[in-house]
Amino acid sequence: MADIDLNDLSLKELKALQTQVAKAIASFEDRRKNEALSELEEKARELGFTLAELTGTSVPRKRASAEAKYANPSNAADTWSGRGRKPRWFEEALKAGRSADDLRV
C-alpha cells in the first residue's frame, strides 16, 4: 500500500479520503458478515435445517415495490402506488375537483 502524507492534502482531499475510508470499512464489515452468514447457513443445511429454524427467526423478505396506480397530471413521471401518505399533487388535484379515478394510470 502506498504511503500517503496527510500533511500534503487539502481539507477537501482529507474529507474525501475520510469518506472513502468510511465506505471501505462498512463494505469490509458487510462482506465479513455475509461470509459468516453463508458459512452458518451451509452448516445448518449440512445438519438438515435452515438457519431460521435453528435461530427461531425468520429471514426478512424483500417487499416488491408496488405498481403505480396514480399519476400526476402535470408530470406523468411523478406517480403514486396508493400506499402510504398521499402526495401533495394528489391532494391538490382532489381539492381542485378531480376524482381519484381521473388520476389513475
C-alpha atoms as a PDB file:
ATOM      1  CA  MET A   1       0.000   0.000   0.000  1.00  0.00           C
ATOM      2  CA  ALA A   2       1.272   3.447  -0.868  1.00  0.00           C
ATOM      3  CA  ASP A   3       2.107   5.766   1.992  1.00  0.00           C
ATOM      4  CA  ILE A   4       0.053   8.949   1.982  1.00  0.00           C
ATOM      5  CA  ASP A   5       1.464  12.096   3.524  1.00  0.00           C
ATOM      6  CA  LEU A   6      -1.669  13.532   5.116  1.00  0.00           C
ATOM      7  CA  ASN A   7       0.051  16.861   5.729  1.00  0.00           C
ATOM      8  CA  ASP A   8       0.254  17.451   1.961  1.00  0.00           C
ATOM      9  CA  LEU A   9      -3.507  17.088   1.452  1.00  0.00           C
ATOM     10  CA  SER A  10      -6.032  19.911   1.432  1.00  0.00           C
ATOM     11  CA  LEU A  11      -9.094  19.875   3.683  1.00  0.00           C
ATOM     12  CA  LYS A  12     -11.244  18.850   0.714  1.00  0.00           C
ATOM     13  CA  GLU A  13      -8.890  15.965  -0.100  1.00  0.00           C
ATOM     14  CA  LEU A  14      -8.797  14.873   3.553  1.00  0.00           C
ATOM     15  CA  LYS A  15     -12.606  14.826   3.758  1.00  0.00           C
ATOM     16  CA  ALA A  16     -12.821  12.844   0.506  1.00  0.00           C
ATOM     17  CA  LEU A  17     -10.293  10.370   1.909  1.00  0.00           C
ATOM     18  CA  GLN A  18     -12.280  10.132   5.148  1.00  0.00           C
ATOM     19  CA  THR A  19     -15.450   9.339   3.174  1.00  0.00           C
ATOM     20  CA  GLN A  20     -13.631   6.671   1.161  1.00  0.00           C
ATOM     21  CA  VAL A  21     -12.225   5.090   4.331  1.00  0.00           C
ATOM     22  CA  ALA A  22     -15.674   5.021   5.992  1.00  0.00           C
ATOM     23  CA  LYS A  23     -17.159   3.333   2.911  1.00  0.00           C
ATOM     24  CA  ALA A  24     -14.311   0.819   2.756  1.00  0.00           C
ATOM     25  CA  ILE A  25     -14.787  -0.071   6.445  1.00  0.00           C
ATOM     26  CA  ALA A  26     -18.544  -0.518   6.026  1.00  0.00           C
ATOM     27  CA  SER A  27     -18.030  -2.614   2.905  1.00  0.00           C
ATOM     28  CA  PHE A  28     -15.452  -4.764   4.684  1.00  0.00           C
ATOM     29  CA  GLU A  29     -17.782  -5.337   7.630  1.00  0.00           C
ATOM     30  CA  ASP A  30     -20.683  -6.191   5.326  1.00  0.00           C
ATOM     31  CA  ARG A  31     -18.540  -8.705   3.415  1.00  0.00           C
ATOM     32  CA  ARG A  32     -17.402 -10.350   6.655  1.00  0.00           C
ATOM     33  CA  LYS A  33     -20.994 -10.585   7.928  1.00  0.00           C
ATOM     34  CA  ASN A  34     -22.180 -12.087   4.650  1.00  0.00           C
ATOM     35  CA  GLU A  35     -19.337 -14.614   4.682  1.00  0.00           C
ATOM     36  CA  ALA A  36     -20.170 -15.618   8.263  1.00  0.00           C
ATOM     37  CA  LEU A  37     -23.869 -15.883   7.432  1.00  0.00           C
ATOM     38  CA  SER A  38     -23.131 -18.061   4.396  1.00  0.00           C
ATOM     39  CA  GLU A  39     -20.945 -20.371   6.497  1.00  0.00           C
ATOM     40  CA  LEU A  40     -23.644 -20.694   9.145  1.00  0.00           C
ATOM     41  CA  GLU A  41     -26.348 -21.353   6.549  1.00  0.00           C
ATOM     42  CA  GLU A  42     -24.182 -24.038   4.926  1.00  0.00           C
ATOM     43  CA  LYS A  43     -23.515 -25.735   8.269  1.00  0.00           C
ATOM     44  CA  ALA A  44     -27.245 -25.668   9.096  1.00  0.00           C
ATOM     45  CA  ARG A  45     -28.031 -27.220   5.677  1.00  0.00           C
ATOM     46  CA  GLU A  46     -25.461 -29.969   6.326  1.00  0.00           C
ATOM     47  CA  LEU A  47     -27.338 -30.771   9.528  1.00  0.00           C
ATOM     48  CA  GLY A  48     -30.699 -30.775   7.746  1.00  0.00           C
ATOM     49  CA  PHE A  49     -32.025 -27.441   8.988  1.00  0.00           C
ATOM     50  CA  THR A  50     -32.384 -23.895   7.849  1.00  0.00           C
ATOM     51  CA  LEU A  51     -30.652 -21.180   9.799  1.00  0.00           C
ATOM     52  CA  ALA A  52     -34.037 -19.646  10.576  1.00  0.00           C
ATOM     53  CA  GLU A  53     -35.194 -22.920  12.144  1.00  0.00           C
ATOM     54  CA  LEU A  54     -32.145 -23.045  14.386  1.00  0.00           C
ATOM     55  CA  THR A  55     -32.262 -19.419  15.466  1.00  0.00           C
ATOM     56  CA  GLY A  56     -36.037 -19.161  15.754  1.00  0.00           C
ATOM     57  CA  THR A  57     -36.109 -16.151  13.488  1.00  0.00           C
ATOM     58  CA  SER A  58     -37.480 -15.642  10.060  1.00  0.00           C
ATOM     59  CA  VAL A  59     -35.462 -14.355   7.170  1.00  0.00           C
ATOM     60  CA  PRO A  60     -36.820 -10.955   6.204  1.00  0.00           C
ATOM     61  CA  ARG A  61     -38.343 -10.983   2.754  1.00  0.00           C
ATOM     62  CA  LYS A  62     -37.825  -8.066   0.484  1.00  0.00           C
ATOM     63  CA  ARG A  63     -41.093  -6.468  -0.403  1.00  0.00           C
ATOM     64  CA  ALA A  64     -41.728  -5.971  -4.078  1.00  0.00           C
ATOM     65  CA  SER A  65     -42.310  -2.367  -4.944  1.00  0.00           C
ATOM     66  CA  ALA A  66     -45.924  -1.535  -5.594  1.00  0.00           C
ATOM     67  CA  GLU A  67     -47.091  -0.665  -9.068  1.00  0.00           C
ATOM     68  CA  ALA A  68     -48.083   2.912  -9.739  1.00  0.00           C
ATOM     69  CA  LYS A  69     -51.837   3.462  -9.683  1.00  0.00           C
ATOM     70  CA  TYR A  70     -51.972   7.236  -9.965  1.00  0.00           C
ATOM     71  CA  ALA A  71     -50.013   9.781 -11.984  1.00  0.00           C
ATOM     72  CA  ASN A  72     -49.525  13.500 -11.504  1.00  0.00           C
ATOM     73  CA  PRO A  73     -51.486  15.241 -14.283  1.00  0.00           C
ATOM     74  CA  SER A  74     -48.764  17.866 -14.751  1.00  0.00           C
ATOM     75  CA  ASN A  75     -45.877  15.342 -14.693  1.00  0.00           C
ATOM     76  CA  ALA A  76     -46.697  11.772 -15.704  1.00  0.00           C
ATOM     77  CA  ALA A  77     -43.340  10.551 -14.366  1.00  0.00           C
ATOM     78  CA  ASP A  78     -44.476  11.517 -10.845  1.00  0.00           C
ATOM     79  CA  THR A  79     -46.565   8.545  -9.700  1.00  0.00           C
ATOM     80  CA  TRP A  80     -48.066   7.107  -6.526  1.00  0.00           C
ATOM     81  CA  SER A  81     -48.954   3.492  -5.716  1.00  0.00           C
ATOM     82  CA  GLY A  82     -51.864   4.359  -3.467  1.00  0.00           C
ATOM     83  CA  ARG A  83     -49.927   3.175  -0.417  1.00  0.00           C
ATOM     84  CA  GLY A  84     -48.709   5.409   2.344  1.00  0.00           C
ATOM     85  CA  ARG A  85     -49.183   9.132   2.640  1.00  0.00           C
ATOM     86  CA  LYS A  86     -50.909  10.867  -0.253  1.00  0.00           C
ATOM     87  CA  PRO A  87     -48.562  13.059  -2.254  1.00  0.00           C
ATOM     88  CA  ARG A  88     -49.228  16.786  -2.288  1.00  0.00           C
ATOM     89  CA  TRP A  89     -50.072  16.801  -6.009  1.00  0.00           C
ATOM     90  CA  PHE A  90     -52.724  14.114  -5.407  1.00  0.00           C
ATOM     91  CA  GLU A  91     -54.389  16.067  -2.599  1.00  0.00           C
ATOM     92  CA  GLU A  92     -54.268  19.312  -4.608  1.00  0.00           C
ATOM     93  CA  ALA A  93     -55.897  17.611  -7.593  1.00  0.00           C
ATOM     94  CA  LEU A  94     -58.696  16.305  -5.353  1.00  0.00           C
ATOM     95  CA  LYS A  95     -59.228  19.784  -3.898  1.00  0.00           C
ATOM     96  CA  ALA A  96     -59.372  21.166  -7.449  1.00  0.00           C
ATOM     97  CA  GLY A  97     -62.344  18.922  -8.154  1.00  0.00           C
ATOM     98  CA  ARG A  98     -60.684  15.942  -9.838  1.00  0.00           C
ATOM     99  CA  SER A  99     -61.516  12.438  -8.668  1.00  0.00           C
ATOM    100  CA  ALA A 100     -59.080   9.663  -7.843  1.00  0.00           C
ATOM    101  CA  ASP A 101     -60.300   7.853 -10.972  1.00  0.00           C
ATOM    102  CA  ASP A 102     -59.263  10.865 -13.074  1.00  0.00           C
ATOM    103  CA  LEU A 103     -55.690  10.415 -11.817  1.00  0.00           C
ATOM    104  CA  ARG A 104     -55.443   6.656 -12.452  1.00  0.00           C
ATOM    105  CA  VAL A 105     -52.619   5.446 -14.649  1.00  0.00           C
END
